N, C-alpha and C. Protein backbone atom coordinates (compact mmCIF):
# COMPACT_ATOMS: atom_id res chain seq x y z
N MET A 1 1.01 -1.06 -0.27
CA MET A 1 0.00 0.00 -0.28
C MET A 1 0.71 1.24 0.12
N ASN A 2 0.50 2.29 -0.60
CA ASN A 2 1.54 3.58 -0.70
C ASN A 2 1.51 4.23 0.53
N SER A 3 2.39 4.43 0.72
CA SER A 3 2.89 5.18 2.34
C SER A 3 1.59 6.68 2.47
N GLY A 4 1.84 7.40 1.26
CA GLY A 4 0.68 8.54 1.29
C GLY A 4 -0.73 8.08 1.55
N LYS A 5 -1.26 6.87 1.04
CA LYS A 5 -2.57 6.62 1.28
C LYS A 5 -2.66 6.12 3.03
N VAL A 6 -1.44 5.54 3.89
CA VAL A 6 -2.04 5.15 5.15
C VAL A 6 -2.06 6.32 5.73
N VAL A 7 -1.06 7.61 5.57
CA VAL A 7 -0.92 8.82 6.02
C VAL A 7 -1.97 9.46 5.94
N LEU A 8 -2.60 9.58 4.92
CA LEU A 8 -4.20 9.82 4.72
C LEU A 8 -5.00 9.13 5.78
N GLY A 9 -5.30 7.73 5.29
CA GLY A 9 -6.03 7.36 6.27
C GLY A 9 -6.14 7.65 7.69
N VAL A 10 -4.62 7.48 8.24
CA VAL A 10 -4.11 7.60 9.51
C VAL A 10 -4.62 8.93 10.18
N LEU A 11 -4.45 10.41 9.48
CA LEU A 11 -4.64 11.40 9.70
C LEU A 11 -6.70 11.98 9.73
N ALA A 12 -7.38 10.95 8.33
CA ALA A 12 -8.56 11.07 8.60
C ALA A 12 -9.06 10.39 9.88
N GLY A 13 -8.59 9.14 10.26
CA GLY A 13 -9.02 8.39 11.18
C GLY A 13 -8.91 9.34 12.77
N VAL A 14 -8.03 9.99 12.84
CA VAL A 14 -7.40 11.05 14.16
C VAL A 14 -8.85 12.03 13.94
N ALA A 15 -8.94 12.64 12.73
CA ALA A 15 -9.97 14.00 12.87
C ALA A 15 -11.06 13.71 12.93
N VAL A 16 -11.40 12.11 12.78
CA VAL A 16 -12.80 11.84 12.80
C VAL A 16 -13.01 11.01 14.46
N GLY A 17 -12.25 10.77 15.11
CA GLY A 17 -11.64 10.44 16.87
C GLY A 17 -12.29 11.80 17.05
N ALA A 18 -11.55 12.69 17.08
CA ALA A 18 -11.23 13.77 17.73
C ALA A 18 -12.77 14.57 17.41
N ILE A 19 -13.43 14.48 16.38
CA ILE A 19 -14.33 15.85 16.41
C ILE A 19 -15.86 14.30 16.87
N LEU A 20 -15.36 13.14 17.27
CA LEU A 20 -16.17 12.51 18.04
C LEU A 20 -16.18 12.41 19.28
N GLY A 21 -15.19 12.76 19.53
CA GLY A 21 -14.74 12.99 21.43
C GLY A 21 -15.02 14.18 21.73
N ILE A 22 -15.26 15.32 20.97
CA ILE A 22 -15.48 16.87 21.21
C ILE A 22 -17.10 16.65 21.02
N LEU A 23 -17.96 16.18 20.18
CA LEU A 23 -19.33 15.99 20.57
C LEU A 23 -19.83 15.69 21.18
N LEU A 24 -18.88 14.43 21.79
CA LEU A 24 -19.39 13.74 23.08
C LEU A 24 -18.95 14.14 25.01
N ALA A 25 -18.21 15.20 24.39
CA ALA A 25 -17.84 15.91 25.73
C ALA A 25 -19.14 16.59 26.36
N PRO A 26 -19.10 17.04 27.53
CA PRO A 26 -19.96 17.69 27.92
C PRO A 26 -19.59 19.19 28.26
N ASP A 27 -19.15 20.00 27.07
CA ASP A 27 -19.33 21.60 27.08
C ASP A 27 -20.29 21.88 26.18
N LYS A 28 -19.96 23.47 26.66
CA LYS A 28 -20.77 24.06 26.03
C LYS A 28 -21.23 24.33 24.72
N GLY A 29 -22.28 24.39 23.86
CA GLY A 29 -22.36 24.38 22.89
C GLY A 29 -20.93 25.13 21.55
N SER A 30 -21.18 26.21 22.43
CA SER A 30 -20.22 27.41 21.86
C SER A 30 -18.72 26.86 22.17
N GLU A 31 -18.25 26.46 22.62
CA GLU A 31 -16.84 25.54 23.12
C GLU A 31 -16.75 24.72 22.35
N THR A 32 -17.84 23.77 22.06
CA THR A 32 -17.58 22.67 21.19
C THR A 32 -17.53 23.10 19.79
N ARG A 33 -18.05 24.00 19.16
CA ARG A 33 -17.91 24.36 17.65
C ARG A 33 -16.63 24.82 17.54
N ARG A 34 -16.09 25.88 18.56
CA ARG A 34 -14.71 26.35 18.77
C ARG A 34 -13.77 25.05 18.26
N LYS A 35 -13.94 24.11 19.06
CA LYS A 35 -12.86 22.92 18.92
C LYS A 35 -12.96 22.33 17.86
N ILE A 36 -14.45 22.42 17.14
CA ILE A 36 -14.58 21.67 16.03
C ILE A 36 -14.38 22.49 15.04
N SER A 37 -13.97 23.36 15.11
CA SER A 37 -13.57 24.72 13.98
C SER A 37 -12.03 24.40 13.79
N GLN A 38 -11.43 24.37 15.06
CA GLN A 38 -9.94 24.29 15.48
C GLN A 38 -9.16 23.06 14.71
N LYS A 39 -10.30 22.24 15.11
CA LYS A 39 -9.72 20.61 14.84
C LYS A 39 -9.48 20.95 13.12
N GLY A 40 -10.82 21.14 12.40
CA GLY A 40 -11.22 21.40 11.22
C GLY A 40 -9.76 21.74 10.59
N SER A 41 -9.37 23.18 11.11
CA SER A 41 -8.14 23.92 10.65
C SER A 41 -6.78 23.23 10.73
N ASP A 42 -6.63 22.53 11.71
CA ASP A 42 -5.41 21.66 12.14
C ASP A 42 -5.41 20.68 10.86
N THR A 43 -6.89 19.91 10.54
CA THR A 43 -6.86 18.69 9.66
C THR A 43 -6.21 19.38 8.16
N VAL A 44 -7.00 20.48 8.07
CA VAL A 44 -6.48 20.99 6.13
C VAL A 44 -5.04 21.43 6.56
N ASP A 45 -4.75 22.13 7.55
CA ASP A 45 -3.26 22.21 7.41
C ASP A 45 -2.49 21.02 7.29
N ASP A 46 -2.55 19.53 7.85
CA ASP A 46 -2.06 18.43 7.61
C ASP A 46 -2.13 18.37 6.32
N LEU A 47 -2.97 18.33 5.88
CA LEU A 47 -3.54 17.69 4.42
C LEU A 47 -2.47 18.57 3.75
N LYS A 48 -2.54 19.78 3.74
CA LYS A 48 -1.58 20.92 2.77
C LYS A 48 -0.48 20.49 3.15
N GLU A 49 0.14 20.14 4.27
CA GLU A 49 1.72 19.50 4.45
C GLU A 49 1.73 18.22 3.48
N LYS A 50 0.96 17.56 3.72
CA LYS A 50 0.91 16.40 3.09
C LYS A 50 0.76 16.36 1.38
N MET A 51 -0.14 16.87 1.01
CA MET A 51 -0.08 17.56 -0.27
C MET A 51 0.83 17.90 -0.76
N GLU A 52 1.83 18.91 -0.26
CA GLU A 52 2.96 19.41 -0.51
C GLU A 52 4.21 18.78 -0.64
N ASP A 53 4.27 17.64 0.67
CA ASP A 53 5.03 16.82 0.20
C ASP A 53 5.03 15.52 -0.94
N VAL A 54 3.90 15.46 -0.92
CA VAL A 54 3.42 14.41 -2.04
C VAL A 54 3.73 15.20 -3.43
N LEU A 55 3.56 15.92 -3.93
CA LEU A 55 4.18 17.06 -4.93
C LEU A 55 5.95 17.16 -5.09
N LYS A 56 6.25 17.41 -4.06
CA LYS A 56 7.56 17.54 -3.82
C LYS A 56 8.42 16.12 -4.49
N SER A 57 7.91 14.96 -3.88
CA SER A 57 8.47 13.92 -4.14
C SER A 57 7.96 13.57 -5.18
N PHE A 58 6.83 13.79 -5.68
CA PHE A 58 6.39 13.32 -7.74
C PHE A 58 7.47 14.12 -8.22
N THR A 59 7.61 15.81 -7.83
CA THR A 59 8.58 16.68 -8.79
C THR A 59 10.27 15.88 -8.82
N GLU A 60 10.48 15.83 -7.75
CA GLU A 60 12.16 14.78 -7.75
C GLU A 60 11.91 13.74 -8.52
N LYS A 61 10.95 12.78 -8.48
CA LYS A 61 11.05 11.37 -9.34
C LYS A 61 10.93 11.91 -10.43
N PHE A 62 9.92 12.82 -10.85
CA PHE A 62 9.86 13.04 -12.22
C PHE A 62 11.91 14.01 -12.77
N LYS A 63 11.64 14.68 -12.00
CA LYS A 63 13.17 15.12 -12.59
C LYS A 63 14.12 13.84 -12.57
N SER A 64 14.48 13.02 -12.01
CA SER A 64 15.27 11.73 -11.78
C SER A 64 14.75 11.02 -13.35
N VAL A 65 13.92 10.89 -13.63
CA VAL A 65 12.94 9.64 -14.66
C VAL A 65 13.56 10.82 -15.88
N LYS A 66 13.36 11.96 -15.97
CA LYS A 66 13.73 12.62 -16.95
C LYS A 66 15.29 13.11 -17.39
N GLU A 67 16.04 13.00 -16.45
CA GLU A 67 17.63 12.90 -16.11
C GLU A 67 17.99 11.23 -16.68
N GLN A 68 17.39 10.51 -16.03
CA GLN A 68 17.71 9.38 -17.01
C GLN A 68 17.32 9.21 -18.47
N ALA A 69 16.50 9.55 -18.67
CA ALA A 69 15.90 9.51 -19.91
C ALA A 69 16.58 10.26 -21.24
N ASN A 70 17.32 11.13 -20.62
CA ASN A 70 18.31 12.20 -21.47
C ASN A 70 19.55 11.24 -21.47
N HIS A 71 19.78 10.66 -20.60
CA HIS A 71 20.90 9.54 -20.38
C HIS A 71 21.18 8.94 -21.50
N VAL A 72 19.79 8.26 -21.39
CA VAL A 72 19.50 6.83 -22.66
C VAL A 72 19.73 7.23 -24.23
N PHE A 73 19.09 8.45 -23.58
CA PHE A 73 18.69 8.98 -25.23
C PHE A 73 20.19 9.41 -26.06
N GLU A 74 20.96 10.04 -24.70
CA GLU A 74 22.40 10.35 -25.27
C GLU A 74 23.19 9.60 -25.70
N SER A 75 22.79 8.49 -25.15
CA SER A 75 23.89 7.38 -25.07
C SER A 75 23.02 6.61 -26.22
N GLY A 76 22.11 6.53 -26.80
CA GLY A 76 21.48 5.75 -28.07
C GLY A 76 22.18 6.65 -29.33
N LYS A 77 22.30 7.94 -29.18
CA LYS A 77 22.66 8.96 -30.30
C LYS A 77 24.35 8.68 -30.60
N ALA A 78 24.57 8.49 -29.15
CA ALA A 78 26.39 7.92 -29.60
C ALA A 78 26.57 6.71 -30.08
N LYS A 79 25.79 6.16 -29.98
CA LYS A 79 25.90 4.69 -30.77
C LYS A 79 25.59 4.91 -31.97
N ALA A 80 24.46 5.40 -32.33
CA ALA A 80 24.10 5.62 -33.81
C ALA A 80 25.24 6.47 -34.60
N GLU A 81 25.99 7.16 -33.91
CA GLU A 81 26.74 8.00 -34.85
C GLU A 81 27.85 7.15 -35.08
N GLU A 82 28.27 6.10 -33.90
CA GLU A 82 29.40 4.94 -33.97
C GLU A 82 29.05 4.46 -35.05
N ILE A 83 27.79 3.52 -35.23
CA ILE A 83 27.31 2.59 -36.26
C ILE A 83 27.40 3.55 -37.86
N LYS A 84 26.82 4.73 -37.86
CA LYS A 84 26.95 5.48 -38.53
C LYS A 84 28.35 5.55 -39.36
N ASP A 85 29.28 6.03 -38.73
CA ASP A 85 30.55 5.65 -38.66
C ASP A 85 31.76 4.94 -39.40
N ALA A 86 31.17 3.52 -38.28
CA ALA A 86 31.75 2.30 -38.85
C ALA A 86 30.92 1.98 -40.57
N ALA A 87 29.75 1.93 -40.79
CA ALA A 87 28.87 1.61 -41.62
C ALA A 87 29.78 2.58 -42.87
N SER A 88 30.20 3.77 -42.68
CA SER A 88 30.57 4.91 -44.01
C SER A 88 32.08 4.40 -44.09
N MET A 89 32.65 4.27 -43.10
CA MET A 89 34.43 3.23 -43.55
C MET A 89 34.48 2.42 -44.68
N LYS A 90 33.33 1.30 -44.41
CA LYS A 90 33.53 0.09 -45.36
C LYS A 90 33.36 0.39 -46.57
């Protein structure tokens, strides 16, 4: 399983558990709403950070694949030149 999905699942589980805990707590309504709002903001912030990490990882992997593809292309180009030169010498 993808580690990003695991982290996202854990965050969602924590958020749901926190909200249920707040809803079942014997606080005043205004205090409960404030806590729910704060937990929602915290969860959104956590999700934004995770998304930034995923995008950064994707960008790094893309750059790596691009560099490898360029290397393969240049190697193939050089090999083609060698074959061309060898064929013209015959």
